[in-house]
């Protein structure tokens, strides 16, 4: 992985970008990709689109989502404790004791999610399942007035960034899907001086965690001939996971190519052929239903879009300690490069039946 890509990833992981609050992260991505493309623009919903022009008008779109799961403040009590709601799918039982970063009125405000200590709990209070209303964020103030000088109802928050690295493996909040954005940054640097047939659209989408809203809007505007989403998928190589139920997906074993009804069979065959010929490490994942990614709605906009899905194995998704192997990010980037360099006549998936 290039040094610039690693620097980008470490920078964007520290941003606060829950669904609907992606501006800071989009700025980091836009600054990183702009030197390698011909045009960068925002659409109305807030997706950031980077365009690298090719020799033809055949359009290939790559999309990775910028948003992460997080929180929104919805009430401040008289003593200055902050109550909140989830943005996206978060296991509430993981929240007690977590460090939180809030995008406050004058910058970041740090707090902790409090809970009565076990020493003081009654039998009924020591329960295994929490409601979101049982928890609060403590920012160390004495009253509501003091809290309201720092934050207000409607502010966004995420888990505090705590990046841990060991070799090629990295653990942090928001690797879903900042590593997808990183793979596109890696690929576009390699493609920077290439003369391509295809016109490429690299999209940092918004609001994926709320139903893939941004990717759908971006694709409707671009009208791509092909769209490939780059996201994370569940690694199954740790205790309590079942390969029988969830497939055999391992960190460090390469890019994951999805097969199933949410992706185009011909495109999937092309992807498998490319990784085989280029000796790129890869795995396959069978998903028998619409995926929880941007390709879900994109596939069925207009008259339909040819879709593919590349995934990076991720442990502990939607927690503050998500983990990936950067070798898989690099393999994903190399496959993006290979598919982007295809001649335009290979991007023709419409079947014509002759009498």
Protein backbone atom coordinates (compact mmCIF):
# COMPACT_ATOMS: atom_id res chain seq x y z
CA UNK A 1 0.00 0.00 0.00
CA UNK A 2 1.28 3.46 -0.91
CA UNK A 3 2.30 5.80 1.90
CA UNK A 4 -0.23 8.41 0.72
CA UNK A 5 -3.07 5.88 0.98
CA UNK A 6 -2.07 4.88 4.51
CA UNK A 7 -1.85 8.54 5.52
CA UNK A 8 -5.29 9.17 4.01
CA UNK A 9 -6.83 6.23 5.91
CA UNK A 10 -5.44 7.31 9.26
CA UNK A 11 -6.72 10.83 8.65
CA UNK A 12 -10.25 9.92 7.59
CA UNK A 13 -10.72 7.42 10.44
CA UNK A 14 -10.40 10.31 12.88
CA UNK A 15 -13.31 12.23 11.34
CA UNK A 16 -16.87 12.14 12.64
CA UNK A 17 -19.15 11.08 9.81
CA UNK A 18 -22.39 9.37 10.84
CA UNK A 19 -25.06 9.17 8.16
CA UNK A 20 -26.17 12.70 7.31
CA UNK A 21 -23.02 14.25 8.83
CA UNK A 22 -20.36 13.17 6.34
CA UNK A 23 -18.98 16.61 5.37
CA UNK A 24 -15.63 16.42 7.18
CA UNK A 25 -14.81 12.95 5.86
CA UNK A 26 -15.87 13.91 2.33
CA UNK A 27 -13.48 16.85 2.49
CA UNK A 28 -10.58 14.55 3.41
CA UNK A 29 -11.43 12.16 0.56
CA UNK A 30 -11.93 14.93 -1.97
CA UNK A 31 -8.58 16.51 -1.15
CA UNK A 32 -6.83 13.14 -1.48
CA UNK A 33 -8.36 12.13 -4.82
CA UNK A 34 -8.48 15.50 -6.63
CA UNK A 35 -4.87 15.46 -7.93
CA UNK A 36 -5.48 12.22 -9.83
CA UNK A 37 -8.77 12.97 -11.62
CA UNK A 38 -10.18 15.52 -14.06
CA UNK A 39 -13.17 16.74 -12.08
CA UNK A 40 -14.62 16.57 -8.57
CA UNK A 41 -18.15 17.67 -7.67
CA UNK A 42 -20.90 17.26 -5.07
CA UNK A 43 -24.43 16.27 -6.00
CA UNK A 44 -27.53 17.59 -4.25
CA UNK A 45 -27.66 14.83 -1.62
CA UNK A 46 -23.99 15.36 -0.76
CA UNK A 47 -22.25 12.49 -2.56
CA UNK A 48 -18.76 13.47 -3.74
CA UNK A 49 -18.01 12.35 -7.30
CA UNK A 50 -14.52 12.24 -8.84
CA UNK A 51 -14.33 11.79 -12.63
CA UNK A 52 -11.40 10.46 -14.64
CA UNK A 53 -12.21 10.93 -18.31
CA UNK A 54 -11.59 8.15 -20.82
CA UNK A 55 -11.50 7.97 -24.60
CA UNK A 56 -15.13 6.84 -24.82
CA UNK A 57 -18.42 7.76 -23.18
CA UNK A 58 -18.75 4.32 -21.57
CA UNK A 59 -19.22 4.99 -17.85
CA UNK A 60 -17.93 2.79 -15.04
CA UNK A 61 -18.86 3.85 -11.52
CA UNK A 62 -17.10 2.74 -8.33
CA UNK A 63 -18.82 3.58 -5.06
CA UNK A 64 -17.79 3.30 -1.40
CA UNK A 65 -19.77 4.88 1.40
CA UNK A 66 -18.43 7.67 3.57
CA UNK A 67 -20.86 7.39 6.44
CA UNK A 68 -20.36 5.39 9.61
CA UNK A 69 -22.69 4.36 12.41
CA UNK A 70 -22.98 6.86 15.22
CA UNK A 71 -25.26 8.89 17.44
CA UNK A 72 -27.34 12.07 17.62
CA UNK A 73 -27.96 14.02 20.81
CA UNK A 74 -31.68 14.35 21.55
CA UNK A 75 -31.94 15.59 25.15
CA UNK A 76 -29.84 17.36 27.80
CA UNK A 77 -31.03 17.02 31.40
CA UNK A 78 -30.68 19.55 34.23
CA UNK A 79 -27.40 18.05 35.41
CA UNK A 80 -25.85 18.19 31.94
CA UNK A 81 -26.11 14.51 31.05
CA UNK A 82 -26.64 13.93 27.33
CA UNK A 83 -29.15 11.44 25.96
CA UNK A 84 -28.89 10.18 22.41
CA UNK A 85 -30.31 8.11 19.57
CA UNK A 86 -28.53 5.65 17.29
CA UNK A 87 -27.66 6.43 13.68
CA UNK A 88 -27.44 3.08 11.90
CA UNK A 89 -27.24 -0.42 13.33
CA UNK A 90 -25.44 -0.47 16.69
CA UNK A 91 -25.57 -3.14 19.41
CA UNK A 92 -26.72 -1.14 22.45
CA UNK A 93 -25.24 -3.74 24.80
CA UNK A 94 -21.74 -2.73 23.66
CA UNK A 95 -22.18 0.91 24.62
CA UNK A 96 -21.69 1.19 28.42
CA UNK A 97 -18.20 2.45 29.17
CA UNK A 98 -17.42 3.57 25.60
CA UNK A 99 -15.54 6.80 24.90
CA UNK A 100 -17.49 9.14 22.62
CA UNK A 101 -16.45 12.08 20.44
CA UNK A 102 -19.15 14.70 19.81
CA UNK A 103 -19.07 17.22 17.00
CA UNK A 104 -19.80 20.12 19.34
CA UNK A 105 -20.47 23.82 18.92
CA UNK A 106 -16.78 24.82 18.94
CA UNK A 107 -15.03 21.59 18.00
CA UNK A 108 -14.81 18.08 19.39
CA UNK A 109 -16.22 17.38 22.83
CA UNK A 110 -15.29 14.10 24.50
CA UNK A 111 -17.43 12.07 26.85
CA UNK A 112 -18.14 8.59 28.16
CA UNK A 113 -21.31 6.51 28.12
CA UNK A 114 -22.17 6.01 31.78
CA UNK A 115 -23.81 3.19 33.68
CA UNK A 116 -24.27 2.42 37.37
CA UNK A 117 -21.34 0.30 38.65
CA UNK A 118 -21.98 -3.39 39.28
CA UNK A 119 -21.40 -2.83 43.04
CA UNK A 120 -24.55 -0.68 43.23
CA UNK A 121 -26.86 -2.56 40.88
CA UNK A 122 -29.92 -4.42 42.01
CA UNK A 123 -30.58 -7.85 40.52
CA UNK A 124 -33.09 -6.34 38.09
CA UNK A 125 -30.64 -3.62 37.03
CA UNK A 126 -27.90 -6.13 36.20
CA UNK A 127 -29.63 -7.18 33.00
CA UNK A 128 -28.06 -8.31 29.74
CA UNK A 129 -30.12 -6.20 27.36
CA UNK A 130 -30.26 -2.43 27.49
CA UNK A 131 -32.61 0.10 25.97
CA UNK A 132 -31.02 3.21 24.50
CA UNK A 133 -32.92 5.26 27.11
CA UNK A 134 -30.97 3.46 29.88
CA UNK A 135 -27.72 5.13 28.80
CA UNK A 136 -26.30 8.63 28.74
CA UNK A 137 -23.14 10.51 27.77
CA UNK A 138 -21.23 12.24 30.57
CA UNK A 139 -19.02 15.13 29.37
CA UNK A 140 -17.96 16.16 32.88
CA UNK A 141 -20.07 19.29 33.28
CA UNK A 142 -22.16 20.31 36.29
CA UNK A 143 -25.44 21.40 34.71
CA UNK A 144 -27.44 21.92 31.53
CA UNK A 145 -26.26 25.51 31.07
CA UNK A 146 -22.62 24.42 31.09
CA UNK A 147 -23.36 21.56 28.69
CA UNK A 148 -25.20 23.86 26.27
CA UNK A 149 -22.08 26.01 25.94
CA UNK A 150 -20.39 22.96 24.36
CA UNK A 151 -23.11 20.97 22.60
CA UNK A 152 -26.73 21.16 21.53
CA UNK A 153 -29.54 18.79 20.67
CA UNK A 154 -28.97 17.60 17.10
CA UNK A 155 -25.17 17.33 17.33
CA UNK A 156 -23.67 14.13 15.93
CA UNK A 157 -21.24 11.82 17.67
CA UNK A 158 -19.28 8.63 17.09
CA UNK A 159 -17.07 6.25 18.97
CA UNK A 160 -13.79 7.97 19.79
CA UNK A 161 -11.08 7.12 17.26
CA UNK A 162 -8.59 4.69 18.79
CA UNK A 163 -6.51 3.25 15.96
CA UNK A 164 -4.46 0.14 16.71
CA UNK A 165 -2.05 -1.46 14.24
CA UNK A 166 -0.15 -4.74 14.22
CA UNK A 167 1.70 -5.50 11.01
CA UNK A 168 -0.77 -5.20 8.15
CA UNK A 169 -3.79 -5.44 10.44
CA UNK A 170 -5.59 -2.39 11.72
CA UNK A 171 -8.40 -1.94 14.24
CA UNK A 172 -10.54 1.18 14.53
CA UNK A 173 -14.05 2.51 14.43
CA UNK A 174 -15.43 3.29 10.95
CA UNK A 175 -13.30 0.94 8.86
CA UNK A 176 -16.75 0.23 7.39
CA UNK A 177 -16.38 1.76 4.87
CA UNK A 178 -13.36 4.03 5.07
CA UNK A 179 -11.26 1.11 3.76
CA UNK A 180 -13.44 1.09 0.64
CA UNK A 181 -12.61 4.76 0.12
CA UNK A 182 -8.92 3.96 0.73
CA UNK A 183 -8.95 1.22 -1.93
CA UNK A 184 -10.23 3.74 -4.48
CA UNK A 185 -7.52 6.23 -3.48
CA UNK A 186 -4.90 3.51 -3.94
CA UNK A 187 -6.31 2.52 -7.34
CA UNK A 188 -6.66 6.03 -8.75
CA UNK A 189 -3.01 6.80 -7.99
CA UNK A 190 -1.96 3.76 -10.03
CA UNK A 191 -4.31 4.81 -12.85
CA UNK A 192 -3.29 8.48 -12.80
CA UNK A 193 -1.07 8.36 -15.91
CA UNK A 194 -3.02 5.68 -17.78
CA UNK A 195 -5.00 6.51 -20.92
CA UNK A 196 -8.25 4.60 -20.45
CA UNK A 197 -11.13 3.73 -22.75
CA UNK A 198 -13.68 3.97 -19.96
CA UNK A 199 -14.71 7.15 -18.20
CA UNK A 200 -14.46 6.41 -14.48
CA UNK A 201 -16.67 7.81 -11.74
CA UNK A 202 -15.37 7.32 -8.20
CA UNK A 203 -18.16 8.08 -5.73
CA UNK A 204 -17.89 8.66 -1.99
CA UNK A 205 -21.54 8.07 -1.12
CA UNK A 206 -23.56 9.28 1.84
CA UNK A 207 -26.28 7.70 4.00
CA UNK A 208 -25.53 4.09 3.08
CA UNK A 209 -26.15 3.00 6.67
CA UNK A 210 -29.72 4.34 6.40
CA UNK A 211 -30.69 2.27 3.38
CA UNK A 212 -28.10 3.03 0.68
CA UNK A 213 -29.73 6.37 -0.09
CA UNK A 214 -26.68 8.20 -1.46
CA UNK A 215 -25.51 5.52 -3.85
CA UNK A 216 -28.94 5.36 -5.47
CA UNK A 217 -29.04 9.11 -6.06
CA UNK A 218 -25.47 9.16 -7.40
CA UNK A 219 -26.16 6.37 -9.88
CA UNK A 220 -29.38 8.02 -11.07
CA UNK A 221 -27.39 11.14 -11.85
CA UNK A 222 -24.41 9.42 -13.48
CA UNK A 223 -26.37 6.71 -15.34
CA UNK A 224 -23.39 4.33 -15.42
CA UNK A 225 -23.05 1.39 -17.79
CA UNK A 226 -21.47 -0.56 -14.92
CA UNK A 227 -21.42 0.09 -11.18
CA UNK A 228 -19.16 -1.70 -8.72
CA UNK A 229 -19.57 -1.11 -5.00
CA UNK A 230 -16.58 -1.47 -2.69
CA UNK A 231 -17.58 -2.26 0.88
CA UNK A 232 -16.71 -4.53 3.79
CA UNK A 233 -18.14 -7.95 4.50
CA UNK A 234 -18.19 -10.10 7.61
CA UNK A 235 -15.00 -12.05 8.21
CA UNK A 236 -15.86 -15.46 9.68
CA UNK A 237 -12.41 -16.45 10.93
CA UNK A 238 -12.86 -15.86 14.66
CA UNK A 239 -14.64 -17.63 17.56
CA UNK A 240 -18.48 -17.84 17.54
CA UNK A 241 -18.69 -17.34 13.76
CA UNK A 242 -20.04 -20.13 11.55
CA UNK A 243 -18.57 -20.86 8.12
CA UNK A 244 -21.57 -23.11 7.45
CA UNK A 245 -24.00 -20.26 8.06
CA UNK A 246 -21.96 -17.27 6.90
CA UNK A 247 -19.38 -18.73 4.48
CA UNK A 248 -15.62 -18.98 4.83
CA UNK A 249 -14.26 -15.42 4.68
CA UNK A 250 -10.79 -14.81 6.08
CA UNK A 251 -8.86 -11.64 6.80
CA UNK A 252 -5.67 -11.47 4.74
CA UNK A 253 -6.91 -13.91 2.10
CA UNK A 254 -7.77 -11.27 -0.49
CA UNK A 255 -10.60 -9.28 -2.03
CA UNK A 256 -14.05 -10.87 -1.77
CA UNK A 257 -16.05 -11.17 -5.00
CA UNK A 258 -19.79 -11.54 -4.47
CA UNK A 259 -21.98 -13.98 -6.36
CA UNK A 260 -25.78 -13.86 -6.24
CA UNK A 261 -28.90 -12.13 -7.61
CA UNK A 262 -27.78 -8.61 -6.61
CA UNK A 263 -24.83 -8.72 -9.04
CA UNK A 264 -24.45 -9.35 -12.75
CA UNK A 265 -23.28 -12.86 -13.64
CA UNK A 266 -21.26 -11.79 -16.70
CA UNK A 267 -19.50 -9.03 -14.76
CA UNK A 268 -18.74 -11.44 -11.94
CA UNK A 269 -17.18 -13.83 -14.45
CA UNK A 270 -15.02 -10.99 -15.78
CA UNK A 271 -13.88 -10.12 -12.24
CA UNK A 272 -13.00 -13.75 -11.51
CA UNK A 273 -11.07 -13.98 -14.76
CA UNK A 274 -9.13 -10.80 -13.98
CA UNK A 275 -8.03 -11.87 -10.49
CA UNK A 276 -6.99 -15.28 -11.81
CA UNK A 277 -4.88 -13.89 -14.65
CA UNK A 278 -3.32 -11.17 -12.49
CA UNK A 279 -2.70 -13.52 -9.55
CA UNK A 280 -4.60 -11.25 -7.17
CA UNK A 281 -5.57 -12.94 -3.91
CA UNK A 282 -9.35 -13.36 -3.77
CA UNK A 283 -12.26 -15.13 -2.11
CA UNK A 284 -15.88 -15.59 -3.14
CA UNK A 285 -19.03 -14.98 -1.13
CA UNK A 286 -22.47 -16.31 -1.96
CA UNK A 287 -25.26 -13.86 -1.07
CA UNK A 288 -28.67 -15.23 -2.02
CA UNK A 289 -30.59 -12.00 -1.38
CA UNK A 290 -30.21 -8.24 -1.96
CA UNK A 291 -27.02 -7.15 -0.25
CA UNK A 292 -26.84 -4.53 2.47
CA UNK A 293 -24.71 -2.31 0.22
CA UNK A 294 -25.08 0.46 -2.34
CA UNK A 295 -25.57 -2.06 -5.18
CA UNK A 296 -28.91 -3.10 -3.69
CA UNK A 297 -30.90 -0.07 -4.98
CA UNK A 298 -28.49 0.80 -7.81
CA UNK A 299 -29.12 -2.49 -9.63
CA UNK A 300 -32.80 -1.66 -10.16
CA UNK A 301 -32.80 2.06 -11.01
CA UNK A 302 -34.10 3.08 -14.44
CA UNK A 303 -33.92 0.13 -16.83
CA UNK A 304 -31.41 -1.62 -14.56
CA UNK A 305 -27.66 -1.29 -14.00
CA UNK A 306 -24.95 -3.93 -14.39
CA UNK A 307 -23.62 -4.27 -10.83
CA UNK A 308 -20.73 -5.94 -9.07
CA UNK A 309 -19.63 -6.03 -5.44
CA UNK A 310 -16.09 -6.15 -4.09
CA UNK A 311 -15.71 -6.58 -0.35
CA UNK A 312 -12.97 -6.35 2.26
CA UNK A 313 -13.20 -8.87 5.14
CA UNK A 314 -13.94 -7.11 8.42
CA UNK A 315 -14.20 -8.43 11.96
CA UNK A 316 -16.53 -6.91 14.59
CA UNK A 317 -18.52 -4.71 12.20
CA UNK A 318 -20.34 -1.66 13.64
CA UNK A 319 -18.26 -1.63 16.81
CA UNK A 320 -15.40 0.66 17.91
CA UNK A 321 -12.91 -2.15 17.23
CA UNK A 322 -13.56 -3.16 13.62
CA UNK A 323 -10.54 -4.95 12.16
CA UNK A 324 -9.24 -5.46 8.62
CA UNK A 325 -6.03 -6.55 6.93
CA UNK A 326 -4.52 -3.91 4.65
CA UNK A 327 -3.39 -6.67 2.29
CA UNK A 328 -7.08 -7.14 1.42
CA UNK A 329 -7.48 -3.41 0.80
CA UNK A 330 -4.51 -3.53 -1.56
CA UNK A 331 -5.89 -6.59 -3.39
CA UNK A 332 -9.20 -4.76 -3.82
CA UNK A 333 -7.39 -1.74 -5.26
CA UNK A 334 -5.50 -3.92 -7.74
CA UNK A 335 -8.76 -5.46 -8.98
CA UNK A 336 -10.27 -1.97 -9.39
CA UNK A 337 -7.25 -1.08 -11.53
CA UNK A 338 -7.68 -4.18 -13.71
CA UNK A 339 -11.40 -3.70 -14.34
CA UNK A 340 -10.91 0.05 -14.98
CA UNK A 341 -8.33 -0.69 -17.69
CA UNK A 342 -10.65 -2.90 -19.74
CA UNK A 343 -11.35 -1.83 -23.34
CA UNK A 344 -14.78 -0.30 -23.79
CA UNK A 345 -16.02 -3.12 -26.05
CA UNK A 346 -15.81 -5.47 -23.07
CA UNK A 347 -18.44 -3.36 -21.28
CA UNK A 348 -21.44 -4.51 -23.29
CA UNK A 349 -23.84 -6.65 -21.33
CA UNK A 350 -27.07 -6.22 -23.28
CA UNK A 351 -28.27 -9.42 -24.91
CA UNK A 352 -30.02 -9.10 -28.26
CA UNK A 353 -32.26 -11.95 -29.31
CA UNK A 354 -32.34 -12.47 -33.05
CA UNK A 355 -35.31 -14.16 -34.80
